[in-house]
Amino acid sequence: MARRKAEAQAPAQEPAARIYIGPSFPAGFMRTGQVYSGGLPGPVTQMLAKEPLLARLIVGTDEYRTAVVEAQKTATPRNAAYRTVLSKIKNGELR
């Protein structure tokens, strides 16, 4: 019984690898389909601090397919995040 309770309270582990499904940045440090394993690099974490919507576009490998479908489907939070990030890249607000 105690074992089940401990298992239920265990924190969820981060995926071993994550994939960026958002639009590519001109500087090239974040490209569509780029895989990050062993954590996110410094420039990516800095960009996440600047634009929190990017977090919706960095997904675990296990949710990649459904996340891409959501990003392409109109009126979903991932699609809104994708369009906002793309607009900010085009306007030069994100570099």
N, C-alpha and C. Protein backbone atom coordinates (compact mmCIF):
# COMPACT_ATOMS: atom_id res chain seq x y z
N MET A 1 0.82 -1.19 0.00
CA MET A 1 0.00 0.00 0.00
C MET A 1 0.87 1.26 0.00
N ALA A 2 1.88 1.27 0.86
CA ALA A 2 2.76 2.44 0.93
C ALA A 2 3.51 2.64 -0.38
N ARG A 3 3.83 1.55 -1.04
CA ARG A 3 4.55 1.63 -2.31
C ARG A 3 3.69 2.32 -3.38
N ARG A 4 2.42 1.96 -3.46
CA ARG A 4 1.52 2.57 -4.44
C ARG A 4 1.38 4.07 -4.19
N LYS A 5 1.28 4.45 -2.94
CA LYS A 5 1.15 5.86 -2.59
C LYS A 5 2.40 6.63 -2.99
N ALA A 6 3.56 6.05 -2.78
CA ALA A 6 4.82 6.70 -3.15
C ALA A 6 4.91 6.84 -4.67
N GLU A 7 4.47 5.81 -5.40
CA GLU A 7 4.49 5.87 -6.86
C GLU A 7 3.55 6.95 -7.38
N ALA A 8 2.41 7.10 -6.74
CA ALA A 8 1.45 8.10 -7.18
C ALA A 8 1.96 9.51 -6.94
N GLN A 9 2.80 9.70 -5.93
CA GLN A 9 3.30 11.02 -5.61
C GLN A 9 4.62 11.35 -6.31
N ALA A 10 5.20 10.39 -7.02
CA ALA A 10 6.47 10.63 -7.71
C ALA A 10 6.27 11.69 -8.78
N PRO A 11 7.19 12.65 -8.87
CA PRO A 11 7.05 13.70 -9.88
C PRO A 11 7.24 13.13 -11.29
N ALA A 12 6.54 13.73 -12.23
CA ALA A 12 6.66 13.31 -13.62
C ALA A 12 8.05 13.67 -14.13
N GLN A 13 8.68 12.74 -14.82
CA GLN A 13 10.01 12.99 -15.36
C GLN A 13 9.91 13.70 -16.70
N GLU A 14 10.90 14.54 -16.97
CA GLU A 14 10.95 15.21 -18.26
C GLU A 14 11.29 14.19 -19.33
N PRO A 15 10.78 14.37 -20.54
CA PRO A 15 11.12 13.44 -21.61
C PRO A 15 12.63 13.47 -21.87
N ALA A 16 13.16 12.35 -22.29
CA ALA A 16 14.60 12.25 -22.57
C ALA A 16 14.99 13.20 -23.71
N ALA A 17 14.13 13.33 -24.68
CA ALA A 17 14.39 14.23 -25.81
C ALA A 17 13.14 15.04 -26.10
N ARG A 18 13.35 16.27 -26.54
CA ARG A 18 12.22 17.13 -26.90
C ARG A 18 12.47 17.69 -28.29
N ILE A 19 11.37 18.00 -28.97
CA ILE A 19 11.43 18.47 -30.35
C ILE A 19 10.75 19.83 -30.45
N TYR A 20 11.39 20.74 -31.18
CA TYR A 20 10.81 22.06 -31.43
C TYR A 20 9.94 21.97 -32.68
N ILE A 21 8.66 22.30 -32.56
CA ILE A 21 7.73 22.21 -33.69
C ILE A 21 7.30 23.58 -34.19
N GLY A 22 7.92 24.62 -33.69
CA GLY A 22 7.56 25.98 -34.09
C GLY A 22 8.29 26.41 -35.36
N PRO A 23 8.08 27.65 -35.77
CA PRO A 23 8.76 28.16 -36.96
C PRO A 23 10.25 28.36 -36.70
N SER A 24 11.06 28.20 -37.73
CA SER A 24 12.51 28.37 -37.61
C SER A 24 12.87 29.83 -37.41
N PHE A 25 13.91 30.05 -36.62
CA PHE A 25 14.43 31.39 -36.39
C PHE A 25 15.51 31.69 -37.43
N PRO A 26 15.59 32.92 -37.92
CA PRO A 26 16.61 33.26 -38.92
C PRO A 26 18.03 32.98 -38.45
N ALA A 27 18.30 33.18 -37.16
CA ALA A 27 19.65 32.95 -36.63
C ALA A 27 19.99 31.45 -36.61
N GLY A 28 19.00 30.61 -36.70
CA GLY A 28 19.22 29.17 -36.81
C GLY A 28 19.38 28.42 -35.51
N PHE A 29 19.30 29.08 -34.36
CA PHE A 29 19.48 28.34 -33.11
C PHE A 29 18.24 27.55 -32.71
N MET A 30 17.10 27.86 -33.33
CA MET A 30 15.89 27.06 -33.15
C MET A 30 15.30 26.83 -34.54
N ARG A 31 15.31 25.55 -34.95
CA ARG A 31 14.79 25.20 -36.26
C ARG A 31 13.65 24.20 -36.10
N THR A 32 12.68 24.27 -36.98
CA THR A 32 11.57 23.33 -36.97
C THR A 32 12.13 21.91 -37.03
N GLY A 33 11.67 21.07 -36.10
CA GLY A 33 12.10 19.68 -36.08
C GLY A 33 13.39 19.43 -35.32
N GLN A 34 13.97 20.47 -34.76
CA GLN A 34 15.22 20.31 -34.03
C GLN A 34 14.97 19.52 -32.74
N VAL A 35 15.84 18.55 -32.47
CA VAL A 35 15.71 17.70 -31.30
C VAL A 35 16.71 18.15 -30.24
N TYR A 36 16.24 18.25 -29.02
CA TYR A 36 17.09 18.61 -27.88
C TYR A 36 17.10 17.42 -26.92
N SER A 37 18.26 16.89 -26.64
CA SER A 37 18.36 15.82 -25.65
C SER A 37 19.32 16.28 -24.56
N GLY A 38 19.06 15.85 -23.34
CA GLY A 38 19.90 16.26 -22.24
C GLY A 38 19.63 17.68 -21.78
N GLY A 39 18.44 18.16 -21.99
CA GLY A 39 18.08 19.52 -21.58
C GLY A 39 18.16 20.51 -22.72
N LEU A 40 17.65 21.69 -22.47
CA LEU A 40 17.64 22.75 -23.49
C LEU A 40 18.91 23.59 -23.37
N PRO A 41 19.50 23.97 -24.50
CA PRO A 41 20.69 24.82 -24.45
C PRO A 41 20.37 26.23 -23.94
N GLY A 42 21.38 26.92 -23.49
CA GLY A 42 21.24 28.26 -22.91
C GLY A 42 20.46 29.24 -23.77
N PRO A 43 20.78 29.38 -25.06
CA PRO A 43 20.04 30.34 -25.89
C PRO A 43 18.54 30.01 -25.97
N VAL A 44 18.20 28.73 -25.94
CA VAL A 44 16.79 28.34 -26.00
C VAL A 44 16.09 28.70 -24.69
N THR A 45 16.72 28.44 -23.57
CA THR A 45 16.10 28.80 -22.28
C THR A 45 15.97 30.31 -22.14
N GLN A 46 16.91 31.06 -22.68
CA GLN A 46 16.81 32.52 -22.66
C GLN A 46 15.63 32.98 -23.51
N MET A 47 15.44 32.35 -24.66
CA MET A 47 14.33 32.71 -25.54
C MET A 47 13.00 32.32 -24.89
N LEU A 48 12.96 31.22 -24.15
CA LEU A 48 11.75 30.82 -23.43
C LEU A 48 11.39 31.85 -22.36
N ALA A 49 12.40 32.42 -21.73
CA ALA A 49 12.14 33.45 -20.73
C ALA A 49 11.58 34.70 -21.39
N LYS A 50 12.06 34.99 -22.59
CA LYS A 50 11.60 36.17 -23.33
C LYS A 50 10.20 35.95 -23.92
N GLU A 51 9.95 34.74 -24.42
CA GLU A 51 8.66 34.41 -25.05
C GLU A 51 8.15 33.07 -24.53
N PRO A 52 7.35 33.08 -23.46
CA PRO A 52 6.86 31.85 -22.85
C PRO A 52 6.00 30.97 -23.78
N LEU A 53 5.41 31.54 -24.82
CA LEU A 53 4.61 30.74 -25.75
C LEU A 53 5.43 29.65 -26.43
N LEU A 54 6.73 29.83 -26.50
CA LEU A 54 7.58 28.83 -27.13
C LEU A 54 7.51 27.49 -26.40
N ALA A 55 7.18 27.51 -25.13
CA ALA A 55 7.08 26.27 -24.36
C ALA A 55 6.02 25.34 -24.95
N ARG A 56 4.98 25.90 -25.54
CA ARG A 56 3.93 25.07 -26.17
C ARG A 56 4.44 24.40 -27.45
N LEU A 57 5.57 24.87 -27.97
CA LEU A 57 6.08 24.37 -29.23
C LEU A 57 7.32 23.49 -29.07
N ILE A 58 7.67 23.19 -27.83
CA ILE A 58 8.76 22.25 -27.55
C ILE A 58 8.11 21.07 -26.83
N VAL A 59 8.08 19.93 -27.50
CA VAL A 59 7.29 18.80 -27.00
C VAL A 59 8.16 17.55 -26.87
N GLY A 60 7.71 16.64 -26.02
CA GLY A 60 8.38 15.36 -25.89
C GLY A 60 8.18 14.52 -27.14
N THR A 61 9.11 13.61 -27.37
CA THR A 61 9.02 12.78 -28.57
C THR A 61 7.75 11.93 -28.57
N ASP A 62 7.26 11.59 -27.39
CA ASP A 62 6.05 10.77 -27.31
C ASP A 62 4.79 11.52 -27.72
N GLU A 63 4.81 12.84 -27.68
CA GLU A 63 3.63 13.62 -28.07
C GLU A 63 3.84 14.39 -29.37
N TYR A 64 4.91 14.08 -30.08
CA TYR A 64 5.25 14.82 -31.30
C TYR A 64 4.12 14.82 -32.33
N ARG A 65 3.63 13.66 -32.68
CA ARG A 65 2.60 13.58 -33.74
C ARG A 65 1.34 14.38 -33.40
N THR A 66 0.83 14.20 -32.21
CA THR A 66 -0.40 14.92 -31.84
C THR A 66 -0.14 16.42 -31.72
N ALA A 67 1.04 16.79 -31.25
CA ALA A 67 1.37 18.21 -31.11
C ALA A 67 1.45 18.89 -32.47
N VAL A 68 2.01 18.21 -33.47
CA VAL A 68 2.10 18.78 -34.82
C VAL A 68 0.70 18.97 -35.39
N VAL A 69 -0.17 18.00 -35.19
CA VAL A 69 -1.56 18.11 -35.66
C VAL A 69 -2.23 19.30 -34.98
N GLU A 70 -2.04 19.44 -33.68
CA GLU A 70 -2.63 20.57 -32.94
C GLU A 70 -2.08 21.91 -33.44
N ALA A 71 -0.79 21.95 -33.75
CA ALA A 71 -0.18 23.20 -34.22
C ALA A 71 -0.73 23.60 -35.58
N GLN A 72 -1.14 22.62 -36.37
CA GLN A 72 -1.67 22.91 -37.71
C GLN A 72 -3.17 23.16 -37.71
N LYS A 73 -3.85 22.72 -36.66
CA LYS A 73 -5.30 22.85 -36.59
C LYS A 73 -5.69 24.22 -36.06
N THR A 74 -6.52 24.92 -36.79
CA THR A 74 -6.97 26.25 -36.39
C THR A 74 -7.73 26.21 -35.07
N ALA A 75 -7.59 27.24 -34.29
CA ALA A 75 -8.31 27.45 -33.03
C ALA A 75 -7.85 26.51 -31.91
N THR A 76 -6.58 26.08 -31.97
CA THR A 76 -6.01 25.33 -30.86
C THR A 76 -4.95 26.21 -30.20
N PRO A 77 -4.67 25.98 -28.92
CA PRO A 77 -3.62 26.78 -28.26
C PRO A 77 -2.25 26.67 -28.94
N ARG A 78 -1.91 25.48 -29.43
CA ARG A 78 -0.62 25.32 -30.12
C ARG A 78 -0.59 26.11 -31.43
N ASN A 79 -1.70 26.12 -32.15
CA ASN A 79 -1.77 26.88 -33.39
C ASN A 79 -1.64 28.37 -33.11
N ALA A 80 -2.31 28.83 -32.08
CA ALA A 80 -2.20 30.25 -31.71
C ALA A 80 -0.78 30.60 -31.31
N ALA A 81 -0.11 29.70 -30.57
CA ALA A 81 1.28 29.94 -30.19
C ALA A 81 2.17 29.98 -31.44
N TYR A 82 1.96 29.05 -32.36
CA TYR A 82 2.75 29.00 -33.59
C TYR A 82 2.59 30.30 -34.38
N ARG A 83 1.34 30.72 -34.57
CA ARG A 83 1.08 31.93 -35.35
C ARG A 83 1.66 33.17 -34.68
N THR A 84 1.56 33.25 -33.36
CA THR A 84 2.11 34.40 -32.63
C THR A 84 3.62 34.44 -32.75
N VAL A 85 4.27 33.31 -32.56
CA VAL A 85 5.73 33.24 -32.66
C VAL A 85 6.17 33.58 -34.08
N LEU A 86 5.50 33.03 -35.08
CA LEU A 86 5.84 33.33 -36.47
C LEU A 86 5.72 34.82 -36.76
N SER A 87 4.65 35.42 -36.29
CA SER A 87 4.45 36.86 -36.50
C SER A 87 5.56 37.67 -35.84
N LYS A 88 5.94 37.28 -34.62
CA LYS A 88 7.00 38.01 -33.92
C LYS A 88 8.36 37.82 -34.59
N ILE A 89 8.60 36.67 -35.18
CA ILE A 89 9.85 36.45 -35.92
C ILE A 89 9.87 37.33 -37.16
N LYS A 90 8.76 37.34 -37.90
CA LYS A 90 8.68 38.15 -39.12
C LYS A 90 8.82 39.63 -38.83
N ASN A 91 8.26 40.09 -37.69
CA ASN A 91 8.32 41.51 -37.33
C ASN A 91 9.64 41.89 -36.67
N GLY A 92 10.50 40.91 -36.43
CA GLY A 92 11.79 41.20 -35.80
C GLY A 92 11.73 41.31 -34.29
N GLU A 93 10.60 40.97 -33.68
CA GLU A 93 10.49 41.03 -32.23
C GLU A 93 11.23 39.89 -31.54
N LEU A 94 11.37 38.76 -32.23
CA LEU A 94 12.13 37.63 -31.72
C LEU A 94 13.27 37.34 -32.68
N ARG A 95 14.45 37.21 -32.12
CA ARG A 95 15.64 36.91 -32.95
C ARG A 95 16.48 35.86 -32.30
